[in-house]
Amino acid sequence: MTKKQKRPNYTLEFKQDAVKLVLEKGYTIQHAADSLGVSLSALSRWVRAEKGHEPKATSSQAALNLAERKELEEPRFRIISAIP
């Protein structure tokens, strides 16, 4: 039987710093992902979120940047962790 790998949790600050490497320092997404040890798809999502080009957002639903997502997720995690 194989164990399912746990998805890593990255802090908002880590994600924002990773995105800065791409948007401000000129790193390619691939190079930044390799340097930081994160997946290419994760870093790509973070960059899209900061640019405001999240493809899943509809016209009635504005794309959220990383800080806004974090703010919305915090209460949900507090509620879930409070359930016995």
C-alpha atoms as a PDB file:
ATOM      1  CA  MET A   1       0.000   0.000   0.000  1.00  0.00           C
ATOM      2  CA  THR A   2       1.378   3.438  -0.900  1.00  0.00           C
ATOM      3  CA  LYS A   3       1.118   6.439   1.347  1.00  0.00           C
ATOM      4  CA  LYS A   4      -0.417   9.564  -0.088  1.00  0.00           C
ATOM      5  CA  GLN A   5       1.981  12.485   0.207  1.00  0.00           C
ATOM      6  CA  LYS A   6       0.758  15.396   2.267  1.00  0.00           C
ATOM      7  CA  ARG A   7       0.504  18.637   0.312  1.00  0.00           C
ATOM      8  CA  PRO A   8       2.916  21.226   1.722  1.00  0.00           C
ATOM      9  CA  ASN A   9       1.556  24.381   3.347  1.00  0.00           C
ATOM     10  CA  TYR A  10       3.367  27.579   2.424  1.00  0.00           C
ATOM     11  CA  THR A  11       2.977  30.859   4.264  1.00  0.00           C
ATOM     12  CA  LEU A  12       1.564  33.914   2.544  1.00  0.00           C
ATOM     13  CA  GLU A  13       4.937  35.634   2.915  1.00  0.00           C
ATOM     14  CA  PHE A  14       6.729  32.723   1.205  1.00  0.00           C
ATOM     15  CA  LYS A  15       4.263  32.777  -1.697  1.00  0.00           C
ATOM     16  CA  GLN A  16       4.562  36.544  -2.122  1.00  0.00           C
ATOM     17  CA  ASP A  17       8.375  36.356  -2.049  1.00  0.00           C
ATOM     18  CA  ALA A  18       8.305  33.569  -4.630  1.00  0.00           C
ATOM     19  CA  VAL A  19       6.060  35.639  -6.883  1.00  0.00           C
ATOM     20  CA  LYS A  20       8.402  38.639  -6.529  1.00  0.00           C
ATOM     21  CA  LEU A  21      11.242  36.531  -7.928  1.00  0.00           C
ATOM     22  CA  VAL A  22       9.232  36.085 -11.101  1.00  0.00           C
ATOM     23  CA  LEU A  23       7.513  39.455 -11.440  1.00  0.00           C
ATOM     24  CA  GLU A  24      10.211  41.782 -10.122  1.00  0.00           C
ATOM     25  CA  LYS A  25      13.541  39.951 -10.355  1.00  0.00           C
ATOM     26  CA  GLY A  26      13.058  38.455 -13.808  1.00  0.00           C
ATOM     27  CA  TYR A  27      13.270  34.768 -12.900  1.00  0.00           C
ATOM     28  CA  THR A  28      11.377  32.356 -15.098  1.00  0.00           C
ATOM     29  CA  ILE A  29       8.643  30.477 -13.259  1.00  0.00           C
ATOM     30  CA  GLN A  30      10.538  27.226 -13.875  1.00  0.00           C
ATOM     31  CA  HIS A  31      13.820  28.579 -12.486  1.00  0.00           C
ATOM     32  CA  ALA A  32      12.166  30.099  -9.405  1.00  0.00           C
ATOM     33  CA  ALA A  33      10.201  26.891  -8.729  1.00  0.00           C
ATOM     34  CA  ASP A  34      13.341  24.765  -9.029  1.00  0.00           C
ATOM     35  CA  SER A  35      15.339  27.140  -6.795  1.00  0.00           C
ATOM     36  CA  LEU A  36      12.663  27.185  -4.090  1.00  0.00           C
ATOM     37  CA  GLY A  37      11.740  23.506  -4.276  1.00  0.00           C
ATOM     38  CA  VAL A  38       8.074  24.112  -5.106  1.00  0.00           C
ATOM     39  CA  SER A  39       6.073  22.694  -7.967  1.00  0.00           C
ATOM     40  CA  LEU A  40       5.830  24.578 -11.233  1.00  0.00           C
ATOM     41  CA  SER A  41       2.032  24.434 -11.102  1.00  0.00           C
ATOM     42  CA  ALA A  42       1.884  25.888  -7.578  1.00  0.00           C
ATOM     43  CA  LEU A  43       4.134  28.824  -8.433  1.00  0.00           C
ATOM     44  CA  SER A  44       2.226  29.396 -11.667  1.00  0.00           C
ATOM     45  CA  ARG A  45      -1.042  29.638  -9.697  1.00  0.00           C
ATOM     46  CA  TRP A  46       0.508  32.083  -7.236  1.00  0.00           C
ATOM     47  CA  VAL A  47       1.799  34.295 -10.062  1.00  0.00           C
ATOM     48  CA  ARG A  48      -1.588  34.253 -11.838  1.00  0.00           C
ATOM     49  CA  ALA A  49      -3.325  35.115  -8.575  1.00  0.00           C
ATOM     50  CA  GLU A  50      -1.063  38.106  -7.972  1.00  0.00           C
ATOM     51  CA  LYS A  51      -1.485  39.316 -11.547  1.00  0.00           C
ATOM     52  CA  GLY A  52      -5.246  38.973 -11.208  1.00  0.00           C
ATOM     53  CA  HIS A  53      -5.617  36.567 -14.115  1.00  0.00           C
ATOM     54  CA  GLU A  54      -7.098  33.565 -12.366  1.00  0.00           C
ATOM     55  CA  PRO A  55      -8.789  31.572 -15.164  1.00  0.00           C
ATOM     56  CA  LYS A  56     -11.509  30.142 -12.901  1.00  0.00           C
ATOM     57  CA  ALA A  57     -12.886  33.581 -12.044  1.00  0.00           C
ATOM     58  CA  THR A  58     -16.136  34.452 -13.777  1.00  0.00           C
ATOM     59  CA  SER A  59     -17.334  37.913 -14.705  1.00  0.00           C
ATOM     60  CA  SER A  60     -19.372  38.110 -11.492  1.00  0.00           C
ATOM     61  CA  GLN A  61     -16.473  36.812  -9.403  1.00  0.00           C
ATOM     62  CA  ALA A  62     -13.337  38.956  -9.285  1.00  0.00           C
ATOM     63  CA  ALA A  63      -9.970  37.211  -9.076  1.00  0.00           C
ATOM     64  CA  LEU A  64      -8.359  37.407  -5.664  1.00  0.00           C
ATOM     65  CA  ASN A  65      -4.679  37.983  -5.017  1.00  0.00           C
ATOM     66  CA  LEU A  66      -2.762  35.867  -2.496  1.00  0.00           C
ATOM     67  CA  ALA A  67      -3.375  38.184   0.465  1.00  0.00           C
ATOM     68  CA  GLU A  68      -7.118  38.316  -0.196  1.00  0.00           C
ATOM     69  CA  ARG A  69      -7.334  34.529  -0.493  1.00  0.00           C
ATOM     70  CA  LYS A  70      -5.485  34.087   2.798  1.00  0.00           C
ATOM     71  CA  GLU A  71      -7.853  36.509   4.519  1.00  0.00           C
ATOM     72  CA  LEU A  72     -10.892  34.581   3.301  1.00  0.00           C
ATOM     73  CA  GLU A  73      -9.480  31.150   4.176  1.00  0.00           C
ATOM     74  CA  GLU A  74      -8.501  31.908   7.785  1.00  0.00           C
ATOM     75  CA  PRO A  75     -12.030  31.896   9.293  1.00  0.00           C
ATOM     76  CA  ARG A  76     -12.849  28.627   7.506  1.00  0.00           C
ATOM     77  CA  PHE A  77      -9.790  26.910   8.987  1.00  0.00           C
ATOM     78  CA  ARG A  78     -10.614  28.205  12.467  1.00  0.00           C
ATOM     79  CA  ILE A  79     -14.129  26.799  12.213  1.00  0.00           C
ATOM     80  CA  ILE A  80     -12.954  23.413  10.938  1.00  0.00           C
ATOM     81  CA  SER A  81     -10.270  23.088  13.624  1.00  0.00           C
ATOM     82  CA  ALA A  82     -12.798  23.969  16.344  1.00  0.00           C
ATOM     83  CA  ILE A  83     -15.014  21.003  15.432  1.00  0.00           C
ATOM     84  CA  PRO A  84     -14.221  18.017  17.691  1.00  0.00           C
END
